[in-house]
PDB file of N, CA and C in Angstrom:
ATOM      1  N   MET A   1     143.099 -76.902  -2.134  1.00  0.00           N
ATOM      2  CA  MET A   1     142.149 -77.211  -3.190  1.00  0.00           C
ATOM      3  C   MET A   1     142.794 -76.960  -4.551  1.00  0.00           C
ATOM      4  N   GLU A   2     142.399 -77.757  -5.482  1.00  0.00           N
ATOM      5  CA  GLU A   2     142.917 -77.632  -6.836  1.00  0.00           C
ATOM      6  C   GLU A   2     141.911 -76.862  -7.685  1.00  0.00           C
ATOM      7  N   LYS A   3     142.397 -75.894  -8.452  1.00  0.00           N
ATOM      8  CA  LYS A   3     141.523 -75.094  -9.319  1.00  0.00           C
ATOM      9  C   LYS A   3     140.944 -75.970 -10.436  1.00  0.00           C
ATOM     10  N   TYR A   4     139.785 -75.553 -10.945  1.00  0.00           N
ATOM     11  CA  TYR A   4     139.147 -76.273 -12.039  1.00  0.00           C
ATOM     12  C   TYR A   4     138.563 -75.250 -13.017  1.00  0.00           C
ATOM     13  N   ASN A   5     139.059 -75.233 -14.238  1.00  0.00           N
ATOM     14  CA  ASN A   5     138.599 -74.299 -15.286  1.00  0.00           C
ATOM     15  C   ASN A   5     138.568 -72.857 -14.806  1.00  0.00           C
ATOM     16  N   GLY A   6     139.543 -72.473 -13.986  1.00  0.00           N
ATOM     17  CA  GLY A   6     139.625 -71.108 -13.497  1.00  0.00           C
ATOM     18  C   GLY A   6     138.811 -70.835 -12.244  1.00  0.00           C
ATOM     19  N   TRP A   7     138.076 -71.836 -11.764  1.00  0.00           N
ATOM     20  CA  TRP A   7     137.260 -71.698 -10.562  1.00  0.00           C
ATOM     21  C   TRP A   7     137.968 -72.370  -9.386  1.00  0.00           C
ATOM     22  N   THR A   8     137.495 -72.095  -8.191  1.00  0.00           N
ATOM     23  CA  THR A   8     138.095 -72.655  -6.974  1.00  0.00           C
ATOM     24  C   THR A   8     138.238 -74.164  -7.051  1.00  0.00           C
ATOM     25  N   ASN A   9     137.188 -74.845  -7.522  1.00  0.00           N
ATOM     26  CA  ASN A   9     137.185 -76.306  -7.601  1.00  0.00           C
ATOM     27  C   ASN A   9     136.078 -76.766  -8.559  1.00  0.00           C
ATOM     28  N   TYR A  10     136.006 -78.066  -8.750  1.00  0.00           N
ATOM     29  CA  TYR A  10     135.022 -78.644  -9.663  1.00  0.00           C
ATOM     30  C   TYR A  10     133.590 -78.330  -9.228  1.00  0.00           C
ATOM     31  N   ALA A  11     133.312 -78.448  -7.937  1.00  0.00           N
ATOM     32  CA  ALA A  11     131.955 -78.215  -7.443  1.00  0.00           C
ATOM     33  C   ALA A  11     131.498 -76.791  -7.741  1.00  0.00           C
ATOM     34  N   THR A  12     132.376 -75.814  -7.524  1.00  0.00           N
ATOM     35  CA  THR A  12     132.027 -74.419  -7.779  1.00  0.00           C
ATOM     36  C   THR A  12     131.791 -74.195  -9.272  1.00  0.00           C
ATOM     37  N   TRP A  13     132.667 -74.722 -10.101  1.00  0.00           N
ATOM     38  CA  TRP A  13     132.516 -74.590 -11.551  1.00  0.00           C
ATOM     39  C   TRP A  13     131.202 -75.221 -12.015  1.00  0.00           C
ATOM     40  N   ARG A  14     130.928 -76.425 -11.551  1.00  0.00           N
ATOM     41  CA  ARG A  14     129.752 -77.172 -12.007  1.00  0.00           C
ATOM     42  C   ARG A  14     128.444 -76.518 -11.577  1.00  0.00           C
ATOM     43  N   ILE A  15     128.364 -76.068 -10.327  1.00  0.00           N
ATOM     44  CA  ILE A  15     127.151 -75.392  -9.852  1.00  0.00           C
ATOM     45  C   ILE A  15     126.943 -74.095 -10.631  1.00  0.00           C
ATOM     46  N   ASN A  16     128.018 -73.338 -10.836  1.00  0.00           N
ATOM     47  CA  ASN A  16     127.879 -72.104 -11.608  1.00  0.00           C
ATOM     48  C   ASN A  16     127.410 -72.408 -13.029  1.00  0.00           C
ATOM     49  N   LEU A  17     128.001 -73.410 -13.658  1.00  0.00           N
ATOM     50  CA  LEU A  17     127.661 -73.761 -15.033  1.00  0.00           C
ATOM     51  C   LEU A  17     126.215 -74.240 -15.161  1.00  0.00           C
ATOM     52  N   GLU A  18     125.807 -75.146 -14.298  1.00  0.00           N
ATOM     53  CA  GLU A  18     124.512 -75.795 -14.478  1.00  0.00           C
ATOM     54  C   GLU A  18     123.347 -75.069 -13.819  1.00  0.00           C
ATOM     55  N   ILE A  19     123.613 -74.232 -12.843  1.00  0.00           N
ATOM     56  CA  ILE A  19     122.510 -73.566 -12.159  1.00  0.00           C
ATOM     57  C   ILE A  19     122.496 -72.064 -12.417  1.00  0.00           C
ATOM     58  N   PHE A  20     123.653 -71.431 -12.413  1.00  0.00           N
ATOM     59  CA  PHE A  20     123.675 -69.974 -12.511  1.00  0.00           C
ATOM     60  C   PHE A  20     123.995 -69.439 -13.902  1.00  0.00           C
ATOM     61  N   ASP A  21     124.445 -70.274 -14.829  1.00  0.00           N
ATOM     62  CA  ASP A  21     124.693 -69.808 -16.191  1.00  0.00           C
ATOM     63  C   ASP A  21     123.353 -69.442 -16.825  1.00  0.00           C
ATOM     64  N   GLY A  22     123.217 -68.210 -17.256  1.00  0.00           N
ATOM     65  CA  GLY A  22     121.955 -67.745 -17.823  1.00  0.00           C
ATOM     66  C   GLY A  22     120.956 -67.304 -16.770  1.00  0.00           C
ATOM     67  N   PHE A  23     121.384 -67.249 -15.513  1.00  0.00           N
ATOM     68  CA  PHE A  23     120.541 -66.833 -14.403  1.00  0.00           C
ATOM     69  C   PHE A  23     120.069 -65.405 -14.645  1.00  0.00           C
ATOM     70  N   GLU A  24     118.762 -65.163 -14.475  1.00  0.00           N
ATOM     71  CA  GLU A  24     118.211 -63.824 -14.665  1.00  0.00           C
ATOM     72  C   GLU A  24     118.678 -62.917 -13.539  1.00  0.00           C
ATOM     73  N   LEU A  25     119.387 -61.865 -13.900  1.00  0.00           N
ATOM     74  CA  LEU A  25     119.938 -60.944 -12.908  1.00  0.00           C
ATOM     75  C   LEU A  25     119.222 -59.608 -12.979  1.00  0.00           C
ATOM     76  N   ASP A  26     119.061 -58.995 -11.823  1.00  0.00           N
ATOM     77  CA  ASP A  26     118.586 -57.614 -11.799  1.00  0.00           C
ATOM     78  C   ASP A  26     119.700 -56.769 -11.199  1.00  0.00           C
ATOM     79  N   ASP A  27     119.389 -55.623 -10.741  1.00  0.00           N
ATOM     80  CA  ASP A  27     120.419 -54.749 -10.200  1.00  0.00           C
ATOM     81  C   ASP A  27     120.750 -55.049  -8.745  1.00  0.00           C
ATOM     82  N   ALA A  28     120.152 -56.067  -8.177  1.00  0.00           N
ATOM     83  CA  ALA A  28     120.377 -56.395  -6.771  1.00  0.00           C
ATOM     84  C   ALA A  28     121.792 -56.926  -6.562  1.00  0.00           C
ATOM     85  N   ASP A  29     122.319 -56.673  -5.377  1.00  0.00           N
ATOM     86  CA  ASP A  29     123.638 -57.182  -5.005  1.00  0.00           C
ATOM     87  C   ASP A  29     123.473 -58.626  -4.543  1.00  0.00           C
ATOM     88  N   ILE A  30     124.014 -59.559  -5.288  1.00  0.00           N
ATOM     89  CA  ILE A  30     123.877 -60.978  -4.972  1.00  0.00           C
ATOM     90  C   ILE A  30     124.931 -61.365  -3.946  1.00  0.00           C
ATOM     91  N   THR A  31     124.509 -62.080  -2.921  1.00  0.00           N
ATOM     92  CA  THR A  31     125.429 -62.504  -1.865  1.00  0.00           C
ATOM     93  C   THR A  31     125.689 -63.997  -1.957  1.00  0.00           C
ATOM     94  N   ALA A  32     126.749 -64.426  -1.287  1.00  0.00           N
ATOM     95  CA  ALA A  32     127.063 -65.851  -1.209  1.00  0.00           C
ATOM     96  C   ALA A  32     125.918 -66.598  -0.526  1.00  0.00           C
ATOM     97  N   GLU A  33     125.329 -65.991   0.491  1.00  0.00           N
ATOM     98  CA  GLU A  33     124.227 -66.617   1.224  1.00  0.00           C
ATOM     99  C   GLU A  33     123.010 -66.813   0.322  1.00  0.00           C
ATOM    100  N   TYR A  34     122.755 -65.838  -0.556  1.00  0.00           N
ATOM    101  CA  TYR A  34     121.650 -65.970  -1.497  1.00  0.00           C
ATOM    102  C   TYR A  34     121.894 -67.144  -2.436  1.00  0.00           C
ATOM    103  N   CYS A  35     123.102 -67.230  -2.995  1.00  0.00           N
ATOM    104  CA  CYS A  35     123.441 -68.311  -3.929  1.00  0.00           C
ATOM    105  C   CYS A  35     123.291 -69.675  -3.258  1.00  0.00           C
ATOM    106  N   GLU A  36     123.832 -69.798  -2.063  1.00  0.00           N
ATOM    107  CA  GLU A  36     123.750 -71.071  -1.345  1.00  0.00           C
ATOM    108  C   GLU A  36     122.301 -71.420  -1.024  1.00  0.00           C
ATOM    109  N   GLY A  37     121.534 -70.463  -0.554  1.00  0.00           N
ATOM    110  CA  GLY A  37     120.126 -70.709  -0.237  1.00  0.00           C
ATOM    111  C   GLY A  37     119.323 -71.109  -1.456  1.00  0.00           C
ATOM    112  N   TYR A  38     119.614 -70.482  -2.584  1.00  0.00           N
ATOM    113  CA  TYR A  38     118.910 -70.802  -3.826  1.00  0.00           C
ATOM    114  C   TYR A  38     119.149 -72.264  -4.218  1.00  0.00           C
ATOM    115  N   VAL A  39     120.413 -72.687  -4.194  1.00  0.00           N
ATOM    116  CA  VAL A  39     120.744 -74.062  -4.575  1.00  0.00           C
ATOM    117  C   VAL A  39     120.202 -75.051  -3.555  1.00  0.00           C
ATOM    118  N   CYS A  40     120.331 -74.753  -2.286  1.00  0.00           N
ATOM    119  CA  CYS A  40     119.804 -75.659  -1.261  1.00  0.00           C
ATOM    120  C   CYS A  40     118.292 -75.797  -1.375  1.00  0.00           C
ATOM    121  N   GLY A  41     117.622 -74.736  -1.763  1.00  0.00           N
ATOM    122  CA  GLY A  41     116.181 -74.807  -1.996  1.00  0.00           C
ATOM    123  C   GLY A  41     115.845 -75.742  -3.147  1.00  0.00           C
ATOM    124  N   LEU A  42     116.679 -75.746  -4.173  1.00  0.00           N
ATOM    125  CA  LEU A  42     116.467 -76.659  -5.297  1.00  0.00           C
ATOM    126  C   LEU A  42     116.631 -78.122  -4.878  1.00  0.00           C
ATOM    127  N   LEU A  43     117.488 -78.373  -3.897  1.00  0.00           N
ATOM    128  CA  LEU A  43     117.738 -79.744  -3.454  1.00  0.00           C
ATOM    129  C   LEU A  43     116.620 -80.311  -2.590  1.00  0.00           C
ATOM    130  N   GLU A  44     115.771 -79.461  -2.067  1.00  0.00           N
ATOM    131  CA  GLU A  44     114.698 -79.921  -1.192  1.00  0.00           C
ATOM    132  C   GLU A  44     113.559 -80.499  -2.021  1.00  0.00           C
ATOM    133  N   ILE A  45     113.829 -81.636  -2.602  1.00  0.00           N
ATOM    134  CA  ILE A  45     112.843 -82.314  -3.425  1.00  0.00           C
ATOM    135  C   ILE A  45     112.203 -83.430  -2.609  1.00  0.00           C
ATOM    136  N   ASP A  46     110.984 -83.740  -2.930  1.00  0.00           N
ATOM    137  CA  ASP A  46     110.247 -84.749  -2.179  1.00  0.00           C
ATOM    138  C   ASP A  46     110.461 -86.124  -2.808  1.00  0.00           C
ATOM    139  N   ASN A  47     111.471 -86.829  -2.317  1.00  0.00           N
ATOM    140  CA  ASN A  47     111.686 -88.204  -2.772  1.00  0.00           C
ATOM    141  C   ASN A  47     112.244 -89.029  -1.626  1.00  0.00           C
ATOM    142  N   ASN A  48     112.335 -90.297  -1.827  1.00  0.00           N
ATOM    143  CA  ASN A  48     112.803 -91.188  -0.771  1.00  0.00           C
ATOM    144  C   ASN A  48     114.255 -91.597  -0.949  1.00  0.00           C
ATOM    145  N   ASN A  49     114.954 -91.023  -1.897  1.00  0.00           N
ATOM    146  CA  ASN A  49     116.330 -91.403  -2.158  1.00  0.00           C
ATOM    147  C   ASN A  49     117.274 -90.552  -1.310  1.00  0.00           C
ATOM    148  N   THR A  50     117.359 -90.884  -0.031  1.00  0.00           N
ATOM    149  CA  THR A  50     118.168 -90.085   0.877  1.00  0.00           C
ATOM    150  C   THR A  50     119.657 -90.221   0.575  1.00  0.00           C
ATOM    151  N   LEU A  51     120.081 -91.335  -0.012  1.00  0.00           N
ATOM    152  CA  LEU A  51     121.486 -91.499  -0.373  1.00  0.00           C
ATOM    153  C   LEU A  51     121.885 -90.482  -1.439  1.00  0.00           C
ATOM    154  N   ALA A  52     121.075 -90.354  -2.475  1.00  0.00           N
ATOM    155  CA  ALA A  52     121.366 -89.399  -3.540  1.00  0.00           C
ATOM    156  C   ALA A  52     121.354 -87.975  -2.992  1.00  0.00           C
ATOM    157  N   LEU A  53     120.415 -87.667  -2.127  1.00  0.00           N
ATOM    158  CA  LEU A  53     120.344 -86.330  -1.551  1.00  0.00           C
ATOM    159  C   LEU A  53     121.567 -86.049  -0.681  1.00  0.00           C
ATOM    160  N   SER A  54     122.020 -87.034   0.069  1.00  0.00           N
ATOM    161  CA  SER A  54     123.194 -86.817   0.919  1.00  0.00           C
ATOM    162  C   SER A  54     124.445 -86.592   0.067  1.00  0.00           C
ATOM    163  N   TYR A  55     124.550 -87.277  -1.062  1.00  0.00           N
ATOM    164  CA  TYR A  55     125.677 -87.035  -1.971  1.00  0.00           C
ATOM    165  C   TYR A  55     125.595 -85.620  -2.555  1.00  0.00           C
ATOM    166  N   ALA A  56     124.403 -85.195  -2.935  1.00  0.00           N
ATOM    167  CA  ALA A  56     124.227 -83.846  -3.478  1.00  0.00           C
ATOM    168  C   ALA A  56     124.597 -82.795  -2.436  1.00  0.00           C
ATOM    169  N   GLU A  57     124.173 -82.993  -1.202  1.00  0.00           N
ATOM    170  CA  GLU A  57     124.496 -82.039  -0.143  1.00  0.00           C
ATOM    171  C   GLU A  57     125.996 -81.995   0.124  1.00  0.00           C
ATOM    172  N   ALA A  58     126.667 -83.132   0.075  1.00  0.00           N
ATOM    173  CA  ALA A  58     128.117 -83.160   0.273  1.00  0.00           C
ATOM    174  C   ALA A  58     128.820 -82.406  -0.853  1.00  0.00           C
ATOM    175  N   PHE A  59     128.336 -82.549  -2.070  1.00  0.00           N
ATOM    176  CA  PHE A  59     128.902 -81.847  -3.216  1.00  0.00           C
ATOM    177  C   PHE A  59     128.740 -80.337  -3.052  1.00  0.00           C
ATOM    178  N   VAL A  60     127.553 -79.921  -2.653  1.00  0.00           N
ATOM    179  CA  VAL A  60     127.245 -78.508  -2.488  1.00  0.00           C
ATOM    180  C   VAL A  60     128.090 -77.886  -1.376  1.00  0.00           C
ATOM    181  N   ASN A  61     128.454 -78.657  -0.385  1.00  0.00           N
ATOM    182  CA  ASN A  61     129.279 -78.136   0.709  1.00  0.00           C
ATOM    183  C   ASN A  61     130.668 -77.721   0.244  1.00  0.00           C
ATOM    184  N   ASP A  62     131.110 -78.199  -0.907  1.00  0.00           N
ATOM    185  CA  ASP A  62     132.428 -77.849  -1.436  1.00  0.00           C
ATOM    186  C   ASP A  62     132.420 -76.586  -2.295  1.00  0.00           C
ATOM    187  N   VAL A  63     131.255 -76.026  -2.544  1.00  0.00           N
ATOM    188  CA  VAL A  63     131.135 -74.870  -3.438  1.00  0.00           C
ATOM    189  C   VAL A  63     131.639 -73.603  -2.752  1.00  0.00           C
ATOM    190  N   ASN A  64     132.363 -72.792  -3.495  1.00  0.00           N
ATOM    191  CA  ASN A  64     132.797 -71.474  -3.034  1.00  0.00           C
ATOM    192  C   ASN A  64     131.705 -70.482  -3.421  1.00  0.00           C
ATOM    193  N   TRP A  65     130.757 -70.257  -2.534  1.00  0.00           N
ATOM    194  CA  TRP A  65     129.600 -69.407  -2.810  1.00  0.00           C
ATOM    195  C   TRP A  65     130.004 -67.951  -3.035  1.00  0.00           C
ATOM    196  N   HIS A  66     131.039 -67.505  -2.354  1.00  0.00           N
ATOM    197  CA  HIS A  66     131.505 -66.132  -2.529  1.00  0.00           C
ATOM    198  C   HIS A  66     132.011 -65.909  -3.961  1.00  0.00           C
ATOM    199  N   GLU A  67     132.679 -66.898  -4.512  1.00  0.00           N
ATOM    200  CA  GLU A  67     133.186 -66.777  -5.880  1.00  0.00           C
ATOM    201  C   GLU A  67     132.035 -66.681  -6.880  1.00  0.00           C
ATOM    202  N   ILE A  68     131.004 -67.470  -6.688  1.00  0.00           N
ATOM    203  CA  ILE A  68     129.847 -67.425  -7.594  1.00  0.00           C
ATOM    204  C   ILE A  68     129.136 -66.080  -7.471  1.00  0.00           C
ATOM    205  N   ALA A  69     128.927 -65.609  -6.245  1.00  0.00           N
ATOM    206  CA  ALA A  69     128.262 -64.323  -6.047  1.00  0.00           C
ATOM    207  C   ALA A  69     129.062 -63.201  -6.704  1.00  0.00           C
ATOM    208  N   GLU A  70     130.370 -63.220  -6.535  1.00  0.00           N
ATOM    209  CA  GLU A  70     131.221 -62.208  -7.147  1.00  0.00           C
ATOM    210  C   GLU A  70     131.096 -62.243  -8.668  1.00  0.00           C
ATOM    211  N   HIS A  71     131.094 -63.435  -9.236  1.00  0.00           N
ATOM    212  CA  HIS A  71     130.953 -63.597 -10.682  1.00  0.00           C
ATOM    213  C   HIS A  71     129.611 -63.042 -11.166  1.00  0.00           C
ATOM    214  N   LEU A  72     128.525 -63.355 -10.459  1.00  0.00           N
ATOM    215  CA  LEU A  72     127.212 -62.861 -10.845  1.00  0.00           C
ATOM    216  C   LEU A  72     127.132 -61.339 -10.744  1.00  0.00           C
ATOM    217  N   ASN A  73     127.707 -60.784  -9.699  1.00  0.00           N
ATOM    218  CA  ASN A  73     127.687 -59.330  -9.532  1.00  0.00           C
ATOM    219  C   ASN A  73     128.498 -58.638 -10.622  1.00  0.00           C
ATOM    220  N   GLU A  74     129.580 -59.250 -11.064  1.00  0.00           N
ATOM    221  CA  GLU A  74     130.364 -58.684 -12.165  1.00  0.00           C
ATOM    222  C   GLU A  74     129.562 -58.656 -13.454  1.00  0.00           C
ATOM    223  N   LYS A  75     128.688 -59.645 -13.651  1.00  0.00           N
ATOM    224  CA  LYS A  75     127.857 -59.693 -14.849  1.00  0.00           C
ATOM    225  C   LYS A  75     126.817 -58.567 -14.840  1.00  0.00           C
ATOM    226  N   VAL A  76     126.362 -58.174 -13.642  1.00  0.00           N
ATOM    227  CA  VAL A  76     125.374 -57.099 -13.536  1.00  0.00           C
ATOM    228  C   VAL A  76     126.000 -55.764 -13.906  1.00  0.00           C
ATOM    229  N   GLU A  77     127.245 -55.563 -13.496  1.00  0.00           N
ATOM    230  CA  GLU A  77     127.940 -54.294 -13.752  1.00  0.00           C
ATOM    231  C   GLU A  77     128.280 -54.180 -15.182  1.00  0.00           C
TER     232      GLU A  77
END
């Protein structure tokens, strides 16, 4: 994989930028599973455009969730 703006890849950078930048954090330990579940929950929208949803899901599959969780936890500390 090729790095993008210091992140694992473009998908990881973009999800962090557009979804987690400014994310309200508490003292909880954020996990990769939490980050992935949060984004996947956002994708569960009620529409008939299954092509667009399948592209979004493919994009999300490339995200390094551990890297995002680590970044968020560093912001809490």
